[in-house]
Amino acid sequence: MVKPSHLKRRAKAMCRIGEDGNLQSLHTLSRARVDDVVIVPARQAAPSISLSGFLLLVASFFLFKGCAIAWFGAVDYVASVNGLTVGTLYEQAAAFVMAPDILSQFLANLLQGRLP
């Protein structure tokens, strides 16, 4: 059986000649079948979002809440969030997530005079 040239190059790139003169695989998870076809298992997918990306997302969310509190004012913001608590399950979940917290209120105090 003759392998295509690009498969030969790939097989040579994944192997080296050992001390006994035989080819040894450099890829520890690969194995060769009887017909000299090298089988390489699929690589595991990398996480779709890195830790730094996740932390940036969380920080952006708290900054958004701080901007909303500073823009609407604390009293109006709390009244709007409390209005969500009597709604559907999704609105109640949004009310829980958007409830003012210490970090959001701190950011709102920093942004209070800087927003138009």
C-alpha atoms as a PDB file:
ATOM      1  CA  MET A   1       0.000   0.000   0.000  1.00  0.00           C
ATOM      2  CA  VAL A   2       1.394   3.399  -1.019  1.00  0.00           C
ATOM      3  CA  LYS A   3       0.493   6.362   1.148  1.00  0.00           C
ATOM      4  CA  PRO A   4       0.087   9.825  -0.366  1.00  0.00           C
ATOM      5  CA  SER A   5       3.163  12.029  -0.007  1.00  0.00           C
ATOM      6  CA  HIS A   6       1.612  14.469   2.474  1.00  0.00           C
ATOM      7  CA  LEU A   7       0.706  11.584   4.787  1.00  0.00           C
ATOM      8  CA  LYS A   8       4.243  10.237   4.537  1.00  0.00           C
ATOM      9  CA  ARG A   9       5.654  13.631   5.543  1.00  0.00           C
ATOM     10  CA  ARG A  10       3.248  13.877   8.454  1.00  0.00           C
ATOM     11  CA  ALA A  11       4.040  10.351   9.617  1.00  0.00           C
ATOM     12  CA  LYS A  12       7.776  11.113   9.447  1.00  0.00           C
ATOM     13  CA  ALA A  13       7.272  14.361  11.353  1.00  0.00           C
ATOM     14  CA  MET A  14       5.487  12.489  14.136  1.00  0.00           C
ATOM     15  CA  CYS A  15       8.140   9.776  14.388  1.00  0.00           C
ATOM     16  CA  ARG A  16      11.853   9.516  15.054  1.00  0.00           C
ATOM     17  CA  ILE A  17      14.362   6.720  14.667  1.00  0.00           C
ATOM     18  CA  GLY A  18      15.017   5.011  17.952  1.00  0.00           C
ATOM     19  CA  GLU A  19      18.242   3.456  19.230  1.00  0.00           C
ATOM     20  CA  ASP A  20      17.204   0.081  17.821  1.00  0.00           C
ATOM     21  CA  GLY A  21      16.739   1.566  14.322  1.00  0.00           C
ATOM     22  CA  ASN A  22      12.928   1.422  14.351  1.00  0.00           C
ATOM     23  CA  LEU A  23      10.576   4.366  14.100  1.00  0.00           C
ATOM     24  CA  GLN A  24       9.185   5.570  17.402  1.00  0.00           C
ATOM     25  CA  SER A  25       6.159   7.815  17.713  1.00  0.00           C
ATOM     26  CA  LEU A  26       6.667  11.299  19.165  1.00  0.00           C
ATOM     27  CA  HIS A  27       2.965  11.642  19.831  1.00  0.00           C
ATOM     28  CA  THR A  28       2.388   9.539  22.919  1.00  0.00           C
ATOM     29  CA  LEU A  29      -1.340   9.129  22.296  1.00  0.00           C
ATOM     30  CA  SER A  30      -1.035   8.037  18.670  1.00  0.00           C
ATOM     31  CA  ARG A  31      -0.842   4.435  17.587  1.00  0.00           C
ATOM     32  CA  ALA A  32      -0.185   2.710  14.282  1.00  0.00           C
ATOM     33  CA  ARG A  33      -2.462   0.055  12.857  1.00  0.00           C
ATOM     34  CA  VAL A  34      -1.194  -3.017  11.052  1.00  0.00           C
ATOM     35  CA  ASP A  35      -1.456  -1.273   7.665  1.00  0.00           C
ATOM     36  CA  ASP A  36       0.919   1.541   8.802  1.00  0.00           C
ATOM     37  CA  VAL A  37      -1.806   4.159   9.174  1.00  0.00           C
ATOM     38  CA  VAL A  38      -1.120   6.444  12.106  1.00  0.00           C
ATOM     39  CA  ILE A  39      -4.239   7.152  14.156  1.00  0.00           C
ATOM     40  CA  VAL A  40      -4.153  10.356  16.177  1.00  0.00           C
ATOM     41  CA  PRO A  41      -7.047  10.942  18.568  1.00  0.00           C
ATOM     42  CA  ALA A  42      -8.900  14.263  18.368  1.00  0.00           C
ATOM     43  CA  ARG A  43      -7.662  17.046  20.594  1.00  0.00           C
ATOM     44  CA  GLN A  44      -9.886  18.223  23.381  1.00  0.00           C
ATOM     45  CA  ALA A  45     -11.459  21.585  22.732  1.00  0.00           C
ATOM     46  CA  ALA A  46     -10.055  24.501  24.666  1.00  0.00           C
ATOM     47  CA  PRO A  47     -12.433  26.368  26.958  1.00  0.00           C
ATOM     48  CA  SER A  48     -14.498  28.842  24.984  1.00  0.00           C
ATOM     49  CA  ILE A  49     -13.705  31.706  27.376  1.00  0.00           C
ATOM     50  CA  SER A  50     -10.542  32.233  29.366  1.00  0.00           C
ATOM     51  CA  LEU A  51     -10.402  33.179  33.019  1.00  0.00           C
ATOM     52  CA  SER A  52      -9.314  36.730  32.218  1.00  0.00           C
ATOM     53  CA  GLY A  53     -12.192  37.050  29.739  1.00  0.00           C
ATOM     54  CA  PHE A  54     -14.655  35.844  32.367  1.00  0.00           C
ATOM     55  CA  LEU A  55     -13.300  38.290  34.950  1.00  0.00           C
ATOM     56  CA  LEU A  56     -13.547  41.116  32.405  1.00  0.00           C
ATOM     57  CA  LEU A  57     -17.175  40.147  31.762  1.00  0.00           C
ATOM     58  CA  VAL A  58     -17.999  40.210  35.491  1.00  0.00           C
ATOM     59  CA  ALA A  59     -16.211  43.549  35.978  1.00  0.00           C
ATOM     60  CA  SER A  60     -18.073  45.028  33.000  1.00  0.00           C
ATOM     61  CA  PHE A  61     -21.382  43.866  34.472  1.00  0.00           C
ATOM     62  CA  PHE A  62     -20.688  45.573  37.813  1.00  0.00           C
ATOM     63  CA  LEU A  63     -19.602  48.719  35.967  1.00  0.00           C
ATOM     64  CA  PHE A  64     -22.863  48.625  33.990  1.00  0.00           C
ATOM     65  CA  LYS A  65     -24.874  48.348  37.211  1.00  0.00           C
ATOM     66  CA  GLY A  66     -22.897  51.225  38.715  1.00  0.00           C
ATOM     67  CA  CYS A  67     -23.583  53.379  35.635  1.00  0.00           C
ATOM     68  CA  ALA A  68     -27.297  52.546  35.796  1.00  0.00           C
ATOM     69  CA  ILE A  69     -27.498  53.478  39.482  1.00  0.00           C
ATOM     70  CA  ALA A  70     -25.601  56.728  38.867  1.00  0.00           C
ATOM     71  CA  TRP A  71     -27.723  57.594  35.815  1.00  0.00           C
ATOM     72  CA  PHE A  72     -31.178  56.897  37.248  1.00  0.00           C
ATOM     73  CA  GLY A  73     -30.420  57.723  40.857  1.00  0.00           C
ATOM     74  CA  ALA A  74     -30.428  55.225  43.690  1.00  0.00           C
ATOM     75  CA  VAL A  75     -34.094  55.696  44.641  1.00  0.00           C
ATOM     76  CA  ASP A  76     -35.453  55.327  41.090  1.00  0.00           C
ATOM     77  CA  TYR A  77     -33.139  52.389  40.376  1.00  0.00           C
ATOM     78  CA  VAL A  78     -34.273  50.493  43.475  1.00  0.00           C
ATOM     79  CA  ALA A  79     -37.917  51.223  42.627  1.00  0.00           C
ATOM     80  CA  SER A  80     -37.434  49.846  39.107  1.00  0.00           C
ATOM     81  CA  VAL A  81     -35.713  46.720  40.379  1.00  0.00           C
ATOM     82  CA  ASN A  82     -38.409  46.199  43.011  1.00  0.00           C
ATOM     83  CA  GLY A  83     -41.019  46.440  40.266  1.00  0.00           C
ATOM     84  CA  LEU A  84     -39.427  43.393  38.623  1.00  0.00           C
ATOM     85  CA  THR A  85     -39.870  41.225  41.712  1.00  0.00           C
ATOM     86  CA  VAL A  86     -43.634  40.838  41.136  1.00  0.00           C
ATOM     87  CA  GLY A  87     -43.251  39.761  37.506  1.00  0.00           C
ATOM     88  CA  THR A  88     -42.522  36.461  35.802  1.00  0.00           C
ATOM     89  CA  LEU A  89     -39.743  34.098  36.811  1.00  0.00           C
ATOM     90  CA  TYR A  90     -37.342  35.764  34.354  1.00  0.00           C
ATOM     91  CA  GLU A  91     -38.134  39.203  35.742  1.00  0.00           C
ATOM     92  CA  GLN A  92     -37.600  37.939  39.277  1.00  0.00           C
ATOM     93  CA  ALA A  93     -34.226  36.497  38.238  1.00  0.00           C
ATOM     94  CA  ALA A  94     -33.328  39.836  36.633  1.00  0.00           C
ATOM     95  CA  ALA A  95     -34.358  41.641  39.826  1.00  0.00           C
ATOM     96  CA  PHE A  96     -32.084  39.361  41.857  1.00  0.00           C
ATOM     97  CA  VAL A  97     -29.126  39.907  39.524  1.00  0.00           C
ATOM     98  CA  MET A  98     -29.669  43.654  39.109  1.00  0.00           C
ATOM     99  CA  ALA A  99     -30.202  44.360  42.816  1.00  0.00           C
ATOM    100  CA  PRO A 100     -27.828  47.054  44.089  1.00  0.00           C
ATOM    101  CA  ASP A 101     -24.775  45.713  45.867  1.00  0.00           C
ATOM    102  CA  ILE A 102     -21.815  47.291  47.630  1.00  0.00           C
ATOM    103  CA  LEU A 103     -19.515  47.318  44.587  1.00  0.00           C
ATOM    104  CA  SER A 104     -22.165  48.747  42.264  1.00  0.00           C
ATOM    105  CA  GLN A 105     -23.053  51.470  44.757  1.00  0.00           C
ATOM    106  CA  PHE A 106     -19.371  52.324  45.213  1.00  0.00           C
ATOM    107  CA  LEU A 107     -18.922  52.619  41.437  1.00  0.00           C
ATOM    108  CA  ALA A 108     -22.100  54.697  41.217  1.00  0.00           C
ATOM    109  CA  ASN A 109     -20.729  57.120  43.821  1.00  0.00           C
ATOM    110  CA  LEU A 110     -17.520  57.443  41.771  1.00  0.00           C
ATOM    111  CA  LEU A 111     -19.463  58.055  38.567  1.00  0.00           C
ATOM    112  CA  GLN A 112     -22.176  60.297  40.048  1.00  0.00           C
ATOM    113  CA  GLY A 113     -20.661  63.627  39.001  1.00  0.00           C
ATOM    114  CA  ARG A 114     -19.075  62.366  35.777  1.00  0.00           C
ATOM    115  CA  LEU A 115     -22.157  61.257  33.850  1.00  0.00           C
ATOM    116  CA  PRO A 116     -24.061  63.881  31.830  1.00  0.00           C
END
